[in-house]
C-alpha atoms as a PDB file:
ATOM      1  CA  UNK A   1      56.350  13.933 -72.984  1.00  0.00           C
ATOM      2  CA  UNK A   2      58.319  13.455 -69.792  1.00  0.00           C
ATOM      3  CA  UNK A   3      56.764  16.623 -68.398  1.00  0.00           C
ATOM      4  CA  UNK A   4      53.263  15.279 -69.172  1.00  0.00           C
ATOM      5  CA  UNK A   5      53.946  11.951 -67.485  1.00  0.00           C
ATOM      6  CA  UNK A   6      55.379  13.732 -64.453  1.00  0.00           C
ATOM      7  CA  UNK A   7      52.231  15.886 -64.149  1.00  0.00           C
ATOM      8  CA  UNK A   8      49.963  12.856 -64.423  1.00  0.00           C
ATOM      9  CA  UNK A   9      51.996  11.148 -61.679  1.00  0.00           C
ATOM     10  CA  UNK A  10      51.657  14.158 -59.386  1.00  0.00           C
ATOM     11  CA  UNK A  11      47.891  14.269 -59.922  1.00  0.00           C
ATOM     12  CA  UNK A  12      47.513  10.535 -59.293  1.00  0.00           C
ATOM     13  CA  UNK A  13      49.562  10.775 -56.109  1.00  0.00           C
ATOM     14  CA  UNK A  14      47.405  13.644 -54.862  1.00  0.00           C
ATOM     15  CA  UNK A  15      44.250  11.740 -55.706  1.00  0.00           C
ATOM     16  CA  UNK A  16      45.235   8.572 -53.858  1.00  0.00           C
ATOM     17  CA  UNK A  17      46.652  10.596 -50.969  1.00  0.00           C
ATOM     18  CA  UNK A  18      43.263  12.351 -50.709  1.00  0.00           C
ATOM     19  CA  UNK A  19      41.458   9.027 -50.731  1.00  0.00           C
ATOM     20  CA  UNK A  20      43.720   7.699 -47.986  1.00  0.00           C
ATOM     21  CA  UNK A  21      43.227  10.827 -45.891  1.00  0.00           C
ATOM     22  CA  UNK A  22      39.457  10.657 -46.346  1.00  0.00           C
ATOM     23  CA  UNK A  23      39.493   7.003 -45.359  1.00  0.00           C
ATOM     24  CA  UNK A  24      41.545   7.821 -42.259  1.00  0.00           C
ATOM     25  CA  UNK A  25      39.186  10.644 -41.345  1.00  0.00           C
ATOM     26  CA  UNK A  26      36.163   8.391 -41.793  1.00  0.00           C
ATOM     27  CA  UNK A  27      37.814   5.702 -39.680  1.00  0.00           C
ATOM     28  CA  UNK A  28      38.632   8.234 -36.985  1.00  0.00           C
ATOM     29  CA  UNK A  29      35.051   9.543 -37.019  1.00  0.00           C
ATOM     30  CA  UNK A  30      33.703   6.001 -36.779  1.00  0.00           C
ATOM     31  CA  UNK A  31      36.086   5.243 -33.941  1.00  0.00           C
ATOM     32  CA  UNK A  32      35.117   8.434 -32.165  1.00  0.00           C
ATOM     33  CA  UNK A  33      31.398   7.683 -32.563  1.00  0.00           C
ATOM     34  CA  UNK A  34      31.932   4.133 -31.293  1.00  0.00           C
ATOM     35  CA  UNK A  35      33.863   5.466 -28.280  1.00  0.00           C
ATOM     36  CA  UNK A  36      31.143   7.994 -27.533  1.00  0.00           C
ATOM     37  CA  UNK A  37      28.519   5.275 -27.761  1.00  0.00           C
ATOM     38  CA  UNK A  38      30.495   3.009 -25.411  1.00  0.00           C
ATOM     39  CA  UNK A  39      31.103   5.890 -23.038  1.00  0.00           C
ATOM     40  CA  UNK A  40      27.431   6.806 -23.073  1.00  0.00           C
ATOM     41  CA  UNK A  41      26.550   3.197 -22.251  1.00  0.00           C
ATOM     42  CA  UNK A  42      28.969   3.224 -19.353  1.00  0.00           C
ATOM     43  CA  UNK A  43      27.635   6.480 -17.941  1.00  0.00           C
ATOM     44  CA  UNK A  44      23.932   5.738 -18.544  1.00  0.00           C
ATOM     45  CA  UNK A  45      22.011   4.219 -15.665  1.00  0.00           C
ATOM     46  CA  UNK A  46      18.489   2.828 -15.825  1.00  0.00           C
ATOM     47  CA  UNK A  47      15.939   4.678 -13.740  1.00  0.00           C
ATOM     48  CA  UNK A  48      15.780   3.400 -10.174  1.00  0.00           C
ATOM     49  CA  UNK A  49      13.055   0.760  -9.788  1.00  0.00           C
ATOM     50  CA  UNK A  50      10.177   1.430  -7.419  1.00  0.00           C
ATOM     51  CA  UNK A  51      11.230   0.380  -3.933  1.00  0.00           C
ATOM     52  CA  UNK A  52      10.432  -3.193  -2.951  1.00  0.00           C
ATOM     53  CA  UNK A  53      10.605  -2.345   0.749  1.00  0.00           C
ATOM     54  CA  UNK A  54       7.864  -1.195   3.099  1.00  0.00           C
ATOM     55  CA  UNK A  55       8.126   0.424   6.494  1.00  0.00           C
ATOM     56  CA  UNK A  56       6.092  -1.148   9.303  1.00  0.00           C
ATOM     57  CA  UNK A  57       5.657   1.038  12.384  1.00  0.00           C
ATOM     58  CA  UNK A  58       4.302  -1.129  15.200  1.00  0.00           C
ATOM     59  CA  UNK A  59       4.114  -1.847  18.898  1.00  0.00           C
ATOM     60  CA  UNK A  60       3.333  -5.590  18.585  1.00  0.00           C
ATOM     61  CA  UNK A  61       6.127  -7.321  16.682  1.00  0.00           C
ATOM     62  CA  UNK A  62       5.017 -10.957  16.429  1.00  0.00           C
ATOM     63  CA  UNK A  63       1.989 -10.225  14.242  1.00  0.00           C
ATOM     64  CA  UNK A  64       4.058  -8.005  11.961  1.00  0.00           C
ATOM     65  CA  UNK A  65       6.869 -10.556  11.622  1.00  0.00           C
ATOM     66  CA  UNK A  66       4.252 -13.057  10.477  1.00  0.00           C
ATOM     67  CA  UNK A  67       2.891 -10.581   7.929  1.00  0.00           C
ATOM     68  CA  UNK A  68       6.389  -9.538   6.801  1.00  0.00           C
ATOM     69  CA  UNK A  69       7.275 -13.166   6.094  1.00  0.00           C
ATOM     70  CA  UNK A  70       4.275 -13.471   3.773  1.00  0.00           C
ATOM     71  CA  UNK A  71       5.099 -10.209   1.991  1.00  0.00           C
ATOM     72  CA  UNK A  72       8.649 -11.414   1.391  1.00  0.00           C
ATOM     73  CA  UNK A  73       7.800 -14.965   0.285  1.00  0.00           C
ATOM     74  CA  UNK A  74       4.744 -14.149  -1.826  1.00  0.00           C
ATOM     75  CA  UNK A  75       5.421 -10.600  -3.018  1.00  0.00           C
ATOM     76  CA  UNK A  76       9.213 -10.295  -2.892  1.00  0.00           C
ATOM     77  CA  UNK A  77       8.716  -7.281  -0.641  1.00  0.00           C
ATOM     78  CA  UNK A  78      11.074  -6.651   2.252  1.00  0.00           C
ATOM     79  CA  UNK A  79       9.891  -4.997   5.455  1.00  0.00           C
ATOM     80  CA  UNK A  80      11.681  -2.661   7.841  1.00  0.00           C
ATOM     81  CA  UNK A  81       9.907  -3.280  11.172  1.00  0.00           C
ATOM     82  CA  UNK A  82      10.387  -0.458  13.674  1.00  0.00           C
ATOM     83  CA  UNK A  83       8.735   1.061  16.715  1.00  0.00           C
ATOM     84  CA  UNK A  84       8.006   4.744  17.170  1.00  0.00           C
ATOM     85  CA  UNK A  85      11.347   5.348  18.891  1.00  0.00           C
ATOM     86  CA  UNK A  86      13.471   3.833  16.124  1.00  0.00           C
ATOM     87  CA  UNK A  87      11.563   4.831  12.985  1.00  0.00           C
ATOM     88  CA  UNK A  88      13.691   6.552  10.303  1.00  0.00           C
ATOM     89  CA  UNK A  89      13.535  10.267   9.588  1.00  0.00           C
ATOM     90  CA  UNK A  90      13.120   9.889   5.807  1.00  0.00           C
ATOM     91  CA  UNK A  91      10.228   7.723   4.573  1.00  0.00           C
ATOM     92  CA  UNK A  92      10.334   8.777   0.934  1.00  0.00           C
ATOM     93  CA  UNK A  93      12.066   5.621  -0.333  1.00  0.00           C
ATOM     94  CA  UNK A  94       9.406   3.198   0.948  1.00  0.00           C
ATOM     95  CA  UNK A  95       6.766   1.769  -1.370  1.00  0.00           C
ATOM     96  CA  UNK A  96       4.273   1.933   1.509  1.00  0.00           C
ATOM     97  CA  UNK A  97       4.088   2.590   5.229  1.00  0.00           C
ATOM     98  CA  UNK A  98       2.070   0.179   7.370  1.00  0.00           C
ATOM     99  CA  UNK A  99       0.856   1.116  10.835  1.00  0.00           C
ATOM    100  CA  UNK A 100       0.082  -1.499  13.480  1.00  0.00           C
ATOM    101  CA  UNK A 101       0.078   0.678  16.592  1.00  0.00           C
ATOM    102  CA  UNK A 102      -2.179  -0.534  19.368  1.00  0.00           C
ATOM    103  CA  UNK A 103      -1.216   1.918  22.076  1.00  0.00           C
ATOM    104  CA  UNK A 104      -0.476   5.619  22.021  1.00  0.00           C
ATOM    105  CA  UNK A 105       0.135   7.206  18.632  1.00  0.00           C
ATOM    106  CA  UNK A 106       2.861   9.744  19.286  1.00  0.00           C
ATOM    107  CA  UNK A 107       2.430  13.156  17.690  1.00  0.00           C
ATOM    108  CA  UNK A 108       5.670  12.874  15.715  1.00  0.00           C
ATOM    109  CA  UNK A 109       4.394   9.616  14.191  1.00  0.00           C
ATOM    110  CA  UNK A 110       0.958  11.084  13.503  1.00  0.00           C
ATOM    111  CA  UNK A 111       2.464  14.051  11.659  1.00  0.00           C
ATOM    112  CA  UNK A 112       4.922  11.853   9.766  1.00  0.00           C
ATOM    113  CA  UNK A 113       2.121   9.567   8.540  1.00  0.00           C
ATOM    114  CA  UNK A 114       0.078  12.531   7.313  1.00  0.00           C
ATOM    115  CA  UNK A 115       3.053  14.209   5.629  1.00  0.00           C
ATOM    116  CA  UNK A 116       4.182  10.985   3.923  1.00  0.00           C
ATOM    117  CA  UNK A 117       0.702  10.214   2.600  1.00  0.00           C
ATOM    118  CA  UNK A 118      -0.190  13.680   1.367  1.00  0.00           C
ATOM    119  CA  UNK A 119       3.125  13.869  -0.485  1.00  0.00           C
ATOM    120  CA  UNK A 120       2.215  10.776  -2.502  1.00  0.00           C
ATOM    121  CA  UNK A 121       2.828   7.839  -0.167  1.00  0.00           C
ATOM    122  CA  UNK A 122       0.730   4.718   0.398  1.00  0.00           C
ATOM    123  CA  UNK A 123      -0.456   4.429   4.025  1.00  0.00           C
ATOM    124  CA  UNK A 124      -1.836   0.988   4.943  1.00  0.00           C
ATOM    125  CA  UNK A 125      -3.670   1.267   8.238  1.00  0.00           C
ATOM    126  CA  UNK A 126      -4.048  -2.096   9.979  1.00  0.00           C
ATOM    127  CA  UNK A 127      -6.587  -3.224  12.575  1.00  0.00           C
ATOM    128  CA  UNK A 128      -6.190  -1.251  15.816  1.00  0.00           C
ATOM    129  CA  UNK A 129      -4.326   1.563  14.063  1.00  0.00           C
ATOM    130  CA  UNK A 130      -7.887   2.925  14.142  1.00  0.00           C
ATOM    131  CA  UNK A 131      -8.980   2.655  17.754  1.00  0.00           C
ATOM    132  CA  UNK A 132     -10.384   4.823  20.510  1.00  0.00           C
ATOM    133  CA  UNK A 133      -6.990   5.693  22.000  1.00  0.00           C
ATOM    134  CA  UNK A 134      -6.191   7.756  18.891  1.00  0.00           C
ATOM    135  CA  UNK A 135      -8.958  10.211  19.757  1.00  0.00           C
ATOM    136  CA  UNK A 136      -6.310  11.981  21.810  1.00  0.00           C
ATOM    137  CA  UNK A 137      -4.490  12.875  18.596  1.00  0.00           C
ATOM    138  CA  UNK A 138      -5.226  16.288  17.120  1.00  0.00           C
ATOM    139  CA  UNK A 139      -5.182  15.525  13.375  1.00  0.00           C
ATOM    140  CA  UNK A 140      -5.354  11.764  12.876  1.00  0.00           C
ATOM    141  CA  UNK A 141      -9.118  11.118  12.730  1.00  0.00           C
ATOM    142  CA  UNK A 142      -9.724  14.097  10.444  1.00  0.00           C
ATOM    143  CA  UNK A 143      -6.991  12.729   8.180  1.00  0.00           C
ATOM    144  CA  UNK A 144      -8.730   9.321   8.120  1.00  0.00           C
ATOM    145  CA  UNK A 145     -12.264  10.741   7.898  1.00  0.00           C
ATOM    146  CA  UNK A 146     -13.676   8.817  10.879  1.00  0.00           C
ATOM    147  CA  UNK A 147     -15.169   9.477  14.275  1.00  0.00           C
ATOM    148  CA  UNK A 148     -16.168   7.515  17.387  1.00  0.00           C
ATOM    149  CA  UNK A 149     -18.998   8.548  19.665  1.00  0.00           C
ATOM    150  CA  UNK A 150     -19.185   8.052  23.453  1.00  0.00           C
ATOM    151  CA  UNK A 151     -16.020   5.987  23.791  1.00  0.00           C
ATOM    152  CA  UNK A 152     -16.574   5.822  27.561  1.00  0.00           C
ATOM    153  CA  UNK A 153     -19.285   3.250  26.752  1.00  0.00           C
ATOM    154  CA  UNK A 154     -17.062   1.218  24.452  1.00  0.00           C
ATOM    155  CA  UNK A 155     -17.069  -1.922  26.640  1.00  0.00           C
ATOM    156  CA  UNK A 156     -20.861  -2.023  26.776  1.00  0.00           C
ATOM    157  CA  UNK A 157     -23.183  -3.618  24.169  1.00  0.00           C
ATOM    158  CA  UNK A 158     -24.154  -1.183  21.422  1.00  0.00           C
ATOM    159  CA  UNK A 159     -27.011  -0.767  19.015  1.00  0.00           C
ATOM    160  CA  UNK A 160     -26.194  -0.306  15.305  1.00  0.00           C
ATOM    161  CA  UNK A 161     -25.493   3.393  14.747  1.00  0.00           C
ATOM    162  CA  UNK A 162     -25.033   4.033  18.447  1.00  0.00           C
ATOM    163  CA  UNK A 163     -21.925   4.485  20.559  1.00  0.00           C
ATOM    164  CA  UNK A 164     -18.546   3.122  19.575  1.00  0.00           C
ATOM    165  CA  UNK A 165     -17.826  -0.329  20.967  1.00  0.00           C
ATOM    166  CA  UNK A 166     -15.233  -3.056  20.703  1.00  0.00           C
ATOM    167  CA  UNK A 167     -15.070  -6.631  21.808  1.00  0.00           C
ATOM    168  CA  UNK A 168     -12.395  -9.279  21.461  1.00  0.00           C
ATOM    169  CA  UNK A 169     -12.485 -13.065  21.645  1.00  0.00           C
ATOM    170  CA  UNK A 170     -15.496 -13.162  19.344  1.00  0.00           C
ATOM    171  CA  UNK A 171     -16.528 -14.720  16.061  1.00  0.00           C
ATOM    172  CA  UNK A 172     -17.042 -12.339  13.158  1.00  0.00           C
ATOM    173  CA  UNK A 173     -17.494 -12.615   9.408  1.00  0.00           C
ATOM    174  CA  UNK A 174     -15.527 -10.371   7.058  1.00  0.00           C
ATOM    175  CA  UNK A 175     -17.592  -9.582   3.956  1.00  0.00           C
ATOM    176  CA  UNK A 176     -16.201  -8.666   0.535  1.00  0.00           C
ATOM    177  CA  UNK A 177     -18.667  -5.990  -0.595  1.00  0.00           C
ATOM    178  CA  UNK A 178     -16.487  -4.924  -3.545  1.00  0.00           C
ATOM    179  CA  UNK A 179     -15.594  -8.222  -5.271  1.00  0.00           C
ATOM    180  CA  UNK A 180     -14.261  -6.522  -8.433  1.00  0.00           C
ATOM    181  CA  UNK A 181     -11.661  -4.388  -6.666  1.00  0.00           C
ATOM    182  CA  UNK A 182      -7.993  -5.392  -6.983  1.00  0.00           C
ATOM    183  CA  UNK A 183      -7.428  -5.420  -3.221  1.00  0.00           C
ATOM    184  CA  UNK A 184     -10.254  -7.879  -2.592  1.00  0.00           C
ATOM    185  CA  UNK A 185      -9.874  -9.963  -5.761  1.00  0.00           C
ATOM    186  CA  UNK A 186      -6.233 -10.310  -6.852  1.00  0.00           C
ATOM    187  CA  UNK A 187      -5.059 -13.861  -6.039  1.00  0.00           C
ATOM    188  CA  UNK A 188      -7.831 -14.068  -3.461  1.00  0.00           C
ATOM    189  CA  UNK A 189      -9.943 -17.052  -2.463  1.00  0.00           C
ATOM    190  CA  UNK A 190     -13.031 -16.360  -0.381  1.00  0.00           C
ATOM    191  CA  UNK A 191     -14.087 -19.580   1.329  1.00  0.00           C
ATOM    192  CA  UNK A 192     -17.714 -18.655   2.018  1.00  0.00           C
ATOM    193  CA  UNK A 193     -20.716 -16.638   0.956  1.00  0.00           C
ATOM    194  CA  UNK A 194     -23.010 -14.785   3.309  1.00  0.00           C
ATOM    195  CA  UNK A 195     -26.136 -12.661   3.149  1.00  0.00           C
ATOM    196  CA  UNK A 196     -25.149  -9.135   4.110  1.00  0.00           C
ATOM    197  CA  UNK A 197     -27.558  -6.256   4.667  1.00  0.00           C
ATOM    198  CA  UNK A 198     -25.571  -3.266   5.965  1.00  0.00           C
ATOM    199  CA  UNK A 199     -27.341  -0.858   8.261  1.00  0.00           C
ATOM    200  CA  UNK A 200     -24.959   2.053   7.702  1.00  0.00           C
ATOM    201  CA  UNK A 201     -25.037   2.459   3.915  1.00  0.00           C
ATOM    202  CA  UNK A 202     -27.119   2.165   0.777  1.00  0.00           C
ATOM    203  CA  UNK A 203     -25.171  -0.875  -0.444  1.00  0.00           C
ATOM    204  CA  UNK A 204     -27.690  -3.418  -1.695  1.00  0.00           C
ATOM    205  CA  UNK A 205     -28.266  -6.306   0.671  1.00  0.00           C
ATOM    206  CA  UNK A 206     -27.431  -9.607  -1.025  1.00  0.00           C
ATOM    207  CA  UNK A 207     -25.072 -12.552  -0.861  1.00  0.00           C
ATOM    208  CA  UNK A 208     -21.361 -11.643  -0.882  1.00  0.00           C
ATOM    209  CA  UNK A 209     -18.051 -13.528  -0.650  1.00  0.00           C
ATOM    210  CA  UNK A 210     -16.920 -13.851   2.952  1.00  0.00           C
ATOM    211  CA  UNK A 211     -14.611 -15.481   5.482  1.00  0.00           C
ATOM    212  CA  UNK A 212     -15.158 -16.224   9.151  1.00  0.00           C
ATOM    213  CA  UNK A 213     -12.649 -15.364  11.878  1.00  0.00           C
ATOM    214  CA  UNK A 214     -12.659 -17.077  15.254  1.00  0.00           C
ATOM    215  CA  UNK A 215     -11.257 -15.489  18.419  1.00  0.00           C
ATOM    216  CA  UNK A 216     -11.235 -12.151  16.641  1.00  0.00           C
ATOM    217  CA  UNK A 217     -11.975  -8.545  17.573  1.00  0.00           C
ATOM    218  CA  UNK A 218     -14.852  -6.453  16.262  1.00  0.00           C
ATOM    219  CA  UNK A 219     -15.111  -2.667  16.176  1.00  0.00           C
ATOM    220  CA  UNK A 220     -18.668  -1.340  16.083  1.00  0.00           C
ATOM    221  CA  UNK A 221     -20.075   2.010  14.980  1.00  0.00           C
ATOM    222  CA  UNK A 222     -16.953   3.659  13.613  1.00  0.00           C
ATOM    223  CA  UNK A 223     -18.552   6.457  11.606  1.00  0.00           C
ATOM    224  CA  UNK A 224     -17.353   8.200   8.455  1.00  0.00           C
ATOM    225  CA  UNK A 225     -17.039  11.987   8.372  1.00  0.00           C
ATOM    226  CA  UNK A 226     -16.088  12.389   4.701  1.00  0.00           C
ATOM    227  CA  UNK A 227     -19.292  11.429   2.947  1.00  0.00           C
ATOM    228  CA  UNK A 228     -18.618   9.145   0.011  1.00  0.00           C
ATOM    229  CA  UNK A 229     -14.912   9.913  -0.354  1.00  0.00           C
ATOM    230  CA  UNK A 230     -14.038   6.362   0.619  1.00  0.00           C
ATOM    231  CA  UNK A 231     -14.103   3.368  -1.719  1.00  0.00           C
ATOM    232  CA  UNK A 232     -15.675   0.657   0.408  1.00  0.00           C
ATOM    233  CA  UNK A 233     -13.978  -2.756   0.298  1.00  0.00           C
ATOM    234  CA  UNK A 234     -15.077  -4.792   3.325  1.00  0.00           C
ATOM    235  CA  UNK A 235     -17.940  -5.081   5.745  1.00  0.00           C
ATOM    236  CA  UNK A 236     -18.334  -7.225   8.841  1.00  0.00           C
ATOM    237  CA  UNK A 237     -21.063  -9.238  10.575  1.00  0.00           C
ATOM    238  CA  UNK A 238     -21.044  -9.835  14.296  1.00  0.00           C
ATOM    239  CA  UNK A 239     -23.798 -11.153  16.540  1.00  0.00           C
ATOM    240  CA  UNK A 240     -23.384  -9.763  20.039  1.00  0.00           C
ATOM    241  CA  UNK A 241     -24.575 -12.484  22.394  1.00  0.00           C
ATOM    242  CA  UNK A 242     -25.009  -9.970  25.219  1.00  0.00           C
ATOM    243  CA  UNK A 243     -27.952  -8.218  23.614  1.00  0.00           C
ATOM    244  CA  UNK A 244     -28.599 -10.463  20.587  1.00  0.00           C
ATOM    245  CA  UNK A 245     -27.964  -7.579  18.187  1.00  0.00           C
ATOM    246  CA  UNK A 246     -26.590  -8.378  14.753  1.00  0.00           C
ATOM    247  CA  UNK A 247     -24.105  -5.776  13.571  1.00  0.00           C
ATOM    248  CA  UNK A 248     -23.666  -5.464   9.788  1.00  0.00           C
ATOM    249  CA  UNK A 249     -21.545  -2.482   8.799  1.00  0.00           C
ATOM    250  CA  UNK A 250     -19.243  -1.456   5.935  1.00  0.00           C
ATOM    251  CA  UNK A 251     -16.384  -0.179   8.080  1.00  0.00           C
ATOM    252  CA  UNK A 252     -13.981  -3.152   7.901  1.00  0.00           C
ATOM    253  CA  UNK A 253     -12.015  -2.067   4.833  1.00  0.00           C
ATOM    254  CA  UNK A 254     -11.798   0.974   2.588  1.00  0.00           C
ATOM    255  CA  UNK A 255      -9.489   3.090   0.431  1.00  0.00           C
ATOM    256  CA  UNK A 256      -9.325   6.877   0.261  1.00  0.00           C
ATOM    257  CA  UNK A 257      -7.205   9.411  -1.603  1.00  0.00           C
ATOM    258  CA  UNK A 258      -5.387  11.883   0.644  1.00  0.00           C
ATOM    259  CA  UNK A 259      -3.436  14.655  -1.032  1.00  0.00           C
ATOM    260  CA  UNK A 260      -1.236  12.965  -3.620  1.00  0.00           C
ATOM    261  CA  UNK A 261      -1.334   9.634  -1.800  1.00  0.00           C
ATOM    262  CA  UNK A 262      -3.697   6.945  -0.582  1.00  0.00           C
ATOM    263  CA  UNK A 263      -4.960   5.522   2.699  1.00  0.00           C
ATOM    264  CA  UNK A 264      -6.058   1.875   2.779  1.00  0.00           C
ATOM    265  CA  UNK A 265      -7.649   0.505   5.952  1.00  0.00           C
ATOM    266  CA  UNK A 266      -8.015  -3.218   6.674  1.00  0.00           C
ATOM    267  CA  UNK A 267      -9.681  -4.107   9.966  1.00  0.00           C
ATOM    268  CA  UNK A 268      -8.743  -7.833  10.231  1.00  0.00           C
ATOM    269  CA  UNK A 269      -5.432  -8.603  11.921  1.00  0.00           C
ATOM    270  CA  UNK A 270      -6.113  -8.947  15.646  1.00  0.00           C
ATOM    271  CA  UNK A 271      -3.655 -11.800  16.197  1.00  0.00           C
ATOM    272  CA  UNK A 272      -0.907 -13.890  14.639  1.00  0.00           C
ATOM    273  CA  UNK A 273      -3.357 -16.524  13.435  1.00  0.00           C
ATOM    274  CA  UNK A 274      -5.296 -13.881  11.484  1.00  0.00           C
ATOM    275  CA  UNK A 275      -2.131 -12.918   9.591  1.00  0.00           C
ATOM    276  CA  UNK A 276      -1.497 -16.619   9.077  1.00  0.00           C
ATOM    277  CA  UNK A 277      -4.798 -16.603   7.192  1.00  0.00           C
ATOM    278  CA  UNK A 278      -3.688 -16.360   3.563  1.00  0.00           C
ATOM    279  CA  UNK A 279      -6.662 -14.219   2.509  1.00  0.00           C
ATOM    280  CA  UNK A 280      -5.923 -11.528   5.090  1.00  0.00           C
ATOM    281  CA  UNK A 281      -2.196 -11.421   4.359  1.00  0.00           C
ATOM    282  CA  UNK A 282      -2.889 -11.341   0.613  1.00  0.00           C
ATOM    283  CA  UNK A 283      -5.186  -8.329   0.989  1.00  0.00           C
ATOM    284  CA  UNK A 284      -2.353  -6.451   2.696  1.00  0.00           C
ATOM    285  CA  UNK A 285      -0.027  -7.416  -0.162  1.00  0.00           C
ATOM    286  CA  UNK A 286      -2.680  -6.253  -2.638  1.00  0.00           C
ATOM    287  CA  UNK A 287      -3.022  -2.943  -0.780  1.00  0.00           C
ATOM    288  CA  UNK A 288       0.697  -2.375  -1.283  1.00  0.00           C
ATOM    289  CA  UNK A 289       0.821  -3.415  -4.951  1.00  0.00           C
ATOM    290  CA  UNK A 290      -2.518  -1.880  -6.075  1.00  0.00           C
ATOM    291  CA  UNK A 291      -2.164   0.712  -8.835  1.00  0.00           C
ATOM    292  CA  UNK A 292      -5.100   3.156  -8.648  1.00  0.00           C
ATOM    293  CA  UNK A 293      -6.461   4.342 -11.987  1.00  0.00           C
END
């Protein structure tokens, strides 16, 4: 009898010892899993957000400081404003690169713009970043898909479709010929409407949203060399009082894919007061934030 009770005691002790050991093992496993989970949380990092900074390469700072202030206050986008001598080597971290270069476009800048865009960047080309002085560059106009004819006549009155011409201190109307596009519609208010019958395209002549700029600068007869690769955004109207010719062309704003990236051109922006115009500044912000389908 004593032997039987002793055996039962040994078995019971083994059973409860096994339960205790199993419980300890389970607790250890749970603790280990919890530690691994905490450790994983410590080591895990969310993917880096898309940069909220743009690079502005310029040779006229006041206009770009005015634009940068709007981008920061309205779009929470910071701007690194540099000239061609101080621009960074690596542009890959910028959400977009804006060019506002009036004078000479140096070859190193030209090549950097093309490389950045074709590798997937967003190049926003502002106002006189397309101008006759850039004809001296080897690759730039082919990259943009534009040409200018007979620039030696550029200060003389021109006929529609004729030689390239420019004139400042004038009154022109910017016409929204693509009212459904994000760049021309997002948070935009167009103060006017105007009848627009372009002479350089098959866009139907009709009434479009518009805004009028005083003391502005018009560029006439910039011609496209890439067929219909461009998505047209803006046209312009300008009555030249020297020869009474009304210019109506679709060259004031467009978007174009280039390699893996995009080029967006916006012709308005001659002076500080044009970038103080909310509609013009907002279109630049829209060009930066636009997500092509």
